């Protein structure tokens, strides 16, 4: 008889309601049996909407973890609490999916990797942009060697004016940073994954507080409060890998530009190139002629499950549960996510000191 996995949700706010719980609810081999939030009403509301019969609610995750029947914990809390909750859950014998970034600091991310190894439980991080149709297709292109050796890449996470003004996004103490750790992390993860390169050599970074102090600024979610805007509004980095490859990372919530892209990458290899600007484009040369091809992602190549097309969030959750069920590595491994955290921290450190940061 197929196993039904019992899942607990820790943190019942925006990302839990926007991604985790709706997508998990579509799977027939899981049930959400426990919900925890520091605001009790949020946990109760989540249990009423998504909970299995008899689902329990908590305001203290340590109490939730005492339930030995729980198989999997999803950590959907602010960045500064990811590590402690995830490690406690792993040590309580649960598999863990933590929202991105892996942790507020690289040291905490390393502790999470070590806990997963020590306990033998699976750990993954919610880098959901890997599961988009364009990302899935481009990954196959890279794995097939169609681009050759990818030696230059750009990781794009640029918004013209879209500063998140709710929750703790502007709180450096809770988040560890601004757009770099919020959306830059997605672009960097995507780029490293495409390159299959996780060995950095050196990082040079800059960060800016140029637009954050503007009063009554134009913004997608209304003006921000400059007094509460304690994180950078933009950050940029140049990363050199041990094999000589170069990555340029750009991230901003507010920048005077019309060149807007988020969670996308540009790849340049010895045999061809690719970018995600206005769709997925592959470029190269054949028979002494240059070519550019646009991939039609609407016809075929879409992941199907029970006869229905899946969203990237649905695919992410299904493949995570499948990794547990089949005892294989998750699509996003903790070791990969740790390198992302190392690089983000190095960019912040370089920006603060004005010096390059060297690994090893």
Protein backbone atom coordinates (compact mmCIF):
# COMPACT_ATOMS: atom_id res chain seq x y z
CA UNK A 1 0.00 0.00 0.00
CA UNK A 2 1.40 3.40 -0.99
CA UNK A 3 2.52 5.61 1.88
CA UNK A 4 0.71 8.83 2.69
CA UNK A 5 3.13 11.45 4.00
CA UNK A 6 2.10 13.59 6.96
CA UNK A 7 3.26 17.18 6.53
CA UNK A 8 3.60 20.08 8.97
CA UNK A 9 3.71 23.72 7.88
CA UNK A 10 5.74 26.09 10.05
CA UNK A 11 4.92 29.67 9.11
CA UNK A 12 1.45 30.15 7.64
CA UNK A 13 1.99 33.49 5.91
CA UNK A 14 2.35 34.61 2.30
CA UNK A 15 4.65 31.99 0.81
CA UNK A 16 2.87 29.12 2.56
CA UNK A 17 -0.50 30.30 1.27
CA UNK A 18 0.82 31.35 -2.12
CA UNK A 19 2.80 28.21 -2.98
CA UNK A 20 3.32 25.40 -0.48
CA UNK A 21 -0.17 24.62 0.80
CA UNK A 22 -2.12 25.02 -2.48
CA UNK A 23 0.32 22.80 -4.38
CA UNK A 24 0.61 20.17 -1.64
CA UNK A 25 -3.17 19.98 -1.46
CA UNK A 26 -3.24 18.70 -5.07
CA UNK A 27 -1.14 15.63 -4.25
CA UNK A 28 -2.98 12.44 -3.32
CA UNK A 29 -0.16 10.94 -1.25
CA UNK A 30 0.22 13.74 1.32
CA UNK A 31 -1.90 15.25 4.04
CA UNK A 32 -1.23 18.41 6.01
CA UNK A 33 -1.72 17.52 9.67
CA UNK A 34 -0.06 20.34 11.61
CA UNK A 35 0.18 24.11 11.22
CA UNK A 36 2.33 26.48 13.25
CA UNK A 37 2.53 30.26 13.30
CA UNK A 38 3.42 32.85 15.93
CA UNK A 39 0.06 34.43 15.05
CA UNK A 40 -2.36 31.73 16.14
CA UNK A 41 -5.15 32.96 13.86
CA UNK A 42 -3.02 32.29 10.79
CA UNK A 43 -2.35 28.70 11.84
CA UNK A 44 -6.04 28.13 12.53
CA UNK A 45 -7.07 29.61 9.17
CA UNK A 46 -4.54 27.41 7.35
CA UNK A 47 -5.75 24.30 9.17
CA UNK A 48 -9.35 25.07 8.32
CA UNK A 49 -8.57 25.52 4.64
CA UNK A 50 -5.91 22.86 4.02
CA UNK A 51 -5.78 20.61 7.04
CA UNK A 52 -6.62 16.90 7.13
CA UNK A 53 -9.25 15.75 9.58
CA UNK A 54 -7.98 16.29 13.10
CA UNK A 55 -5.20 18.65 12.04
CA UNK A 56 -3.51 20.42 14.94
CA UNK A 57 -2.37 24.01 15.32
CA UNK A 58 0.60 25.41 17.24
CA UNK A 59 2.31 28.70 18.04
CA UNK A 60 5.57 26.95 19.10
CA UNK A 61 7.31 24.76 16.52
CA UNK A 62 9.19 22.83 19.22
CA UNK A 63 5.85 21.47 20.45
CA UNK A 64 4.88 20.49 16.90
CA UNK A 65 8.12 18.55 16.44
CA UNK A 66 7.25 16.26 19.37
CA UNK A 67 4.63 14.60 17.14
CA UNK A 68 6.37 11.45 15.93
CA UNK A 69 3.77 10.83 13.24
CA UNK A 70 4.90 13.85 11.19
CA UNK A 71 7.11 12.85 8.25
CA UNK A 72 7.92 16.20 6.60
CA UNK A 73 8.21 19.81 7.76
CA UNK A 74 7.98 22.84 5.46
CA UNK A 75 9.72 25.92 6.87
CA UNK A 76 8.03 29.09 5.57
CA UNK A 77 9.27 31.67 8.07
CA UNK A 78 11.57 34.74 7.89
CA UNK A 79 15.17 34.08 6.87
CA UNK A 80 16.69 34.40 10.35
CA UNK A 81 14.71 31.41 11.66
CA UNK A 82 15.18 28.95 8.78
CA UNK A 83 18.26 27.24 10.20
CA UNK A 84 17.09 26.67 13.78
CA UNK A 85 13.70 25.32 12.74
CA UNK A 86 15.09 23.15 9.94
CA UNK A 87 17.84 21.67 12.11
CA UNK A 88 15.43 20.93 14.95
CA UNK A 89 13.06 19.24 12.49
CA UNK A 90 15.84 17.15 10.95
CA UNK A 91 17.00 16.06 14.39
CA UNK A 92 13.41 15.15 15.24
CA UNK A 93 13.48 12.71 12.32
CA UNK A 94 11.62 14.78 9.73
CA UNK A 95 12.48 15.55 6.11
CA UNK A 96 12.60 19.31 5.54
CA UNK A 97 11.84 21.78 2.78
CA UNK A 98 12.99 25.27 3.74
CA UNK A 99 12.01 28.36 1.83
CA UNK A 100 14.76 30.27 0.10
CA UNK A 101 17.31 31.56 0.84
CA UNK A 102 18.63 28.55 2.74
CA UNK A 103 19.46 30.71 5.77
CA UNK A 104 20.29 34.26 6.79
CA UNK A 105 24.02 33.45 6.97
CA UNK A 106 26.35 31.00 5.28
CA UNK A 107 27.34 29.63 8.69
CA UNK A 108 23.70 28.75 9.40
CA UNK A 109 23.35 27.19 5.95
CA UNK A 110 26.40 25.04 6.66
CA UNK A 111 24.84 23.89 9.93
CA UNK A 112 21.77 22.80 7.96
CA UNK A 113 23.89 20.78 5.51
CA UNK A 114 25.67 19.10 8.40
CA UNK A 115 22.39 18.31 10.16
CA UNK A 116 20.99 16.65 7.05
CA UNK A 117 24.11 14.49 6.72
CA UNK A 118 24.11 13.65 10.42
CA UNK A 119 20.45 12.63 10.54
CA UNK A 120 20.19 11.00 7.11
CA UNK A 121 17.02 12.99 6.42
CA UNK A 122 16.36 14.84 3.18
CA UNK A 123 16.68 18.60 3.03
CA UNK A 124 15.82 20.89 0.14
CA UNK A 125 15.37 24.62 -0.43
CA UNK A 126 12.50 26.31 -2.28
CA UNK A 127 14.22 27.54 -5.42
CA UNK A 128 11.02 27.17 -7.41
CA UNK A 129 12.27 28.91 -10.57
CA UNK A 130 14.12 25.72 -11.53
CA UNK A 131 10.72 24.19 -12.22
CA UNK A 132 9.51 26.70 -14.83
CA UNK A 133 9.10 25.28 -18.35
CA UNK A 134 11.85 27.52 -19.75
CA UNK A 135 14.23 26.52 -16.95
CA UNK A 136 13.50 22.82 -17.36
CA UNK A 137 14.10 23.03 -21.12
CA UNK A 138 17.28 25.08 -20.81
CA UNK A 139 18.66 22.65 -18.24
CA UNK A 140 18.27 19.82 -20.77
CA UNK A 141 20.03 21.96 -23.41
CA UNK A 142 22.94 22.51 -21.01
CA UNK A 143 23.11 18.86 -19.95
CA UNK A 144 23.17 17.78 -23.58
CA UNK A 145 26.24 19.95 -24.14
CA UNK A 146 24.60 22.12 -26.79
CA UNK A 147 26.20 25.27 -25.35
CA UNK A 148 29.58 23.65 -24.79
CA UNK A 149 31.60 24.96 -21.86
CA UNK A 150 29.67 27.85 -20.26
CA UNK A 151 32.36 30.34 -19.27
CA UNK A 152 30.37 33.59 -18.96
CA UNK A 153 26.90 34.12 -17.51
CA UNK A 154 24.62 36.81 -16.15
CA UNK A 155 22.12 36.33 -13.34
CA UNK A 156 19.25 38.82 -13.66
CA UNK A 157 17.00 40.03 -10.81
CA UNK A 158 16.04 43.59 -11.68
CA UNK A 159 12.81 45.42 -10.89
CA UNK A 160 12.20 49.02 -11.86
CA UNK A 161 9.97 49.80 -8.86
CA UNK A 162 8.66 46.81 -6.94
CA UNK A 163 9.78 47.04 -3.34
CA UNK A 164 7.88 44.61 -1.05
CA UNK A 165 6.51 46.82 1.72
CA UNK A 166 4.80 44.14 3.82
CA UNK A 167 6.09 41.61 6.34
CA UNK A 168 9.81 41.77 7.21
CA UNK A 169 11.29 42.32 3.74
CA UNK A 170 12.78 45.71 4.69
CA UNK A 171 14.12 44.46 8.05
CA UNK A 172 17.82 43.64 7.78
CA UNK A 173 17.87 41.90 11.16
CA UNK A 174 15.18 39.41 10.11
CA UNK A 175 16.12 39.00 6.45
CA UNK A 176 19.87 39.50 6.29
CA UNK A 177 19.54 41.81 3.31
CA UNK A 178 17.28 43.17 0.60
CA UNK A 179 16.88 42.35 -3.10
CA UNK A 180 20.14 40.38 -3.25
CA UNK A 181 19.04 37.79 -0.70
CA UNK A 182 15.38 38.00 -1.77
CA UNK A 183 15.34 37.81 -5.58
CA UNK A 184 19.04 37.80 -6.47
CA UNK A 185 19.21 34.42 -4.74
CA UNK A 186 16.79 32.94 -7.30
CA UNK A 187 18.74 34.26 -10.28
CA UNK A 188 22.04 33.05 -8.86
CA UNK A 189 20.68 29.60 -8.05
CA UNK A 190 19.30 29.27 -11.57
CA UNK A 191 22.59 30.32 -13.16
CA UNK A 192 24.80 28.01 -11.08
CA UNK A 193 22.40 25.12 -11.76
CA UNK A 194 22.53 25.67 -15.52
CA UNK A 195 26.33 25.84 -15.44
CA UNK A 196 26.55 22.94 -12.97
CA UNK A 197 29.39 24.88 -11.38
CA UNK A 198 29.56 25.20 -7.58
CA UNK A 199 33.24 26.00 -7.01
CA UNK A 200 33.75 29.76 -6.54
CA UNK A 201 37.19 31.33 -6.39
CA UNK A 202 36.58 35.04 -5.75
CA UNK A 203 33.80 37.62 -5.47
CA UNK A 204 33.68 41.40 -5.85
CA UNK A 205 30.44 43.08 -4.84
CA UNK A 206 28.73 46.44 -4.42
CA UNK A 207 25.48 47.44 -2.75
CA UNK A 208 23.52 50.69 -2.75
CA UNK A 209 21.01 52.67 -0.68
CA UNK A 210 20.32 55.22 -3.40
CA UNK A 211 16.55 55.14 -3.90
CA UNK A 212 15.48 53.66 -0.56
CA UNK A 213 15.39 57.05 1.16
CA UNK A 214 13.00 58.69 -1.31
CA UNK A 215 9.70 59.88 0.17
CA UNK A 216 6.40 59.01 -1.56
CA UNK A 217 8.21 56.97 -4.19
CA UNK A 218 6.37 55.33 -7.05
CA UNK A 219 6.11 51.63 -6.24
CA UNK A 220 4.03 48.63 -7.28
CA UNK A 221 2.79 48.14 -3.70
CA UNK A 222 2.59 51.78 -2.66
CA UNK A 223 5.31 54.07 -1.25
CA UNK A 224 7.78 52.54 1.19
CA UNK A 225 8.70 54.10 4.52
CA UNK A 226 12.33 55.29 4.25
CA UNK A 227 12.77 54.91 8.02
CA UNK A 228 11.95 51.20 7.80
CA UNK A 229 14.00 50.57 4.63
CA UNK A 230 17.11 49.21 6.40
CA UNK A 231 18.31 46.93 3.58
CA UNK A 232 19.98 47.75 0.26
CA UNK A 233 17.85 48.76 -2.71
CA UNK A 234 20.38 47.30 -5.19
CA UNK A 235 23.36 44.96 -5.12
CA UNK A 236 25.70 43.69 -7.81
CA UNK A 237 28.44 41.11 -7.89
CA UNK A 238 31.13 39.64 -10.12
CA UNK A 239 31.91 36.02 -9.34
CA UNK A 240 34.94 34.17 -10.69
CA UNK A 241 34.80 30.38 -10.48
CA UNK A 242 37.77 28.07 -9.96
CA UNK A 243 37.61 26.92 -13.59
CA UNK A 244 37.86 30.55 -14.74
CA UNK A 245 34.17 31.07 -15.55
CA UNK A 246 32.68 34.48 -14.76
CA UNK A 247 29.17 35.29 -13.47
CA UNK A 248 27.72 38.80 -13.25
CA UNK A 249 24.85 39.06 -10.75
CA UNK A 250 22.49 42.04 -10.77
CA UNK A 251 19.70 42.54 -8.24
CA UNK A 252 17.44 45.46 -7.41
CA UNK A 253 13.96 46.23 -6.15
CA UNK A 254 14.19 49.84 -7.37
CA UNK A 255 16.42 50.95 -10.23
CA UNK A 256 16.06 53.60 -12.91
CA UNK A 257 16.10 51.19 -15.82
CA UNK A 258 13.76 49.77 -18.45
CA UNK A 259 15.81 46.57 -18.69
CA UNK A 260 13.74 44.57 -16.21
CA UNK A 261 14.18 40.83 -15.69
CA UNK A 262 13.69 38.63 -12.66
CA UNK A 263 14.90 35.10 -11.92
CA UNK A 264 16.48 34.77 -15.35
CA UNK A 265 19.92 34.07 -16.72
CA UNK A 266 22.05 34.60 -19.79
CA UNK A 267 24.56 31.89 -20.69
CA UNK A 268 27.54 32.06 -23.06
CA UNK A 269 29.36 28.87 -24.00
CA UNK A 270 31.94 27.65 -26.46
CA UNK A 271 29.29 26.09 -28.73
CA UNK A 272 26.35 28.44 -28.24
CA UNK A 273 24.48 30.76 -25.95
CA UNK A 274 21.05 31.20 -24.39
CA UNK A 275 18.96 33.79 -22.63
CA UNK A 276 15.50 34.07 -21.08
CA UNK A 277 14.68 37.56 -22.31
CA UNK A 278 11.18 37.66 -23.78
CA UNK A 279 11.10 33.88 -23.86
CA UNK A 280 13.83 31.27 -24.19
CA UNK A 281 16.30 31.95 -27.01
CA UNK A 282 19.20 29.80 -28.14
CA UNK A 283 21.95 31.29 -30.30
CA UNK A 284 24.97 29.93 -32.11
CA UNK A 285 26.46 29.38 -35.55
CA UNK A 286 25.99 26.71 -38.19
CA UNK A 287 27.65 26.42 -41.58
CA UNK A 288 29.47 29.73 -41.03
CA UNK A 289 26.18 31.52 -40.31
CA UNK A 290 24.85 32.91 -37.04
CA UNK A 291 21.43 31.79 -35.88
CA UNK A 292 18.93 32.59 -33.12
CA UNK A 293 16.09 30.21 -32.31
CA UNK A 294 13.12 30.88 -30.05
CA UNK A 295 11.86 27.83 -28.17
CA UNK A 296 8.09 27.31 -28.30
CA UNK A 297 7.30 26.27 -24.74
CA UNK A 298 3.56 26.04 -25.34
CA UNK A 299 3.69 22.95 -27.55
CA UNK A 300 4.95 19.76 -25.96
CA UNK A 301 7.67 19.45 -23.39
CA UNK A 302 5.30 20.45 -20.61
CA UNK A 303 5.24 18.22 -17.54
CA UNK A 304 1.95 16.35 -17.26
CA UNK A 305 0.56 14.61 -14.20
CA UNK A 306 -2.80 12.79 -14.09
CA UNK A 307 -3.62 14.29 -17.47
CA UNK A 308 -3.31 17.89 -16.31
CA UNK A 309 -0.60 20.47 -16.97
CA UNK A 310 1.32 21.49 -13.86
CA UNK A 311 2.41 24.88 -12.61
CA UNK A 312 6.04 25.22 -11.58
CA UNK A 313 4.96 25.22 -7.91
CA UNK A 314 2.97 22.03 -8.41
CA UNK A 315 5.93 20.36 -10.13
CA UNK A 316 8.28 21.52 -7.38
CA UNK A 317 6.15 19.96 -4.65
CA UNK A 318 5.51 16.74 -6.56
CA UNK A 319 9.19 16.20 -7.32
CA UNK A 320 10.11 16.91 -3.67
CA UNK A 321 7.68 14.28 -2.36
CA UNK A 322 8.82 11.93 -5.13
CA UNK A 323 12.45 12.31 -4.02
CA UNK A 324 11.45 11.21 -0.51
CA UNK A 325 9.27 8.39 -1.79
CA UNK A 326 11.98 7.03 -4.12
CA UNK A 327 14.85 7.82 -1.72
CA UNK A 328 16.80 9.95 -4.19
CA UNK A 329 18.37 13.41 -4.10
CA UNK A 330 15.92 16.32 -4.34
CA UNK A 331 16.21 18.60 -7.37
CA UNK A 332 17.68 21.31 -5.12
CA UNK A 333 20.33 19.72 -2.91
CA UNK A 334 21.44 21.35 0.36
CA UNK A 335 25.03 21.47 -0.88
CA UNK A 336 23.98 23.54 -3.90
CA UNK A 337 21.87 25.91 -1.81
CA UNK A 338 24.78 26.36 0.62
CA UNK A 339 27.03 27.64 -2.18
CA UNK A 340 24.36 30.19 -3.13
CA UNK A 341 24.33 31.42 0.49
CA UNK A 342 28.14 31.59 0.53
CA UNK A 343 28.16 33.75 -2.59
CA UNK A 344 25.42 36.09 -1.39
CA UNK A 345 27.29 36.63 1.87
CA UNK A 346 30.55 37.22 -0.02
CA UNK A 347 28.91 39.93 -2.14
CA UNK A 348 27.61 41.67 0.99
CA UNK A 349 31.03 41.38 2.65
CA UNK A 350 32.83 42.72 -0.40
CA UNK A 351 30.36 45.61 -0.66
CA UNK A 352 30.94 46.44 3.01
CA UNK A 353 34.75 46.26 2.93
CA UNK A 354 35.45 47.39 -0.62
CA UNK A 355 37.69 44.36 -1.04
CA UNK A 356 37.35 41.16 -3.05
CA UNK A 357 36.47 38.03 -1.09
CA UNK A 358 38.51 34.92 -1.85
CA UNK A 359 37.46 31.33 -1.19
CA UNK A 360 39.91 28.73 0.19
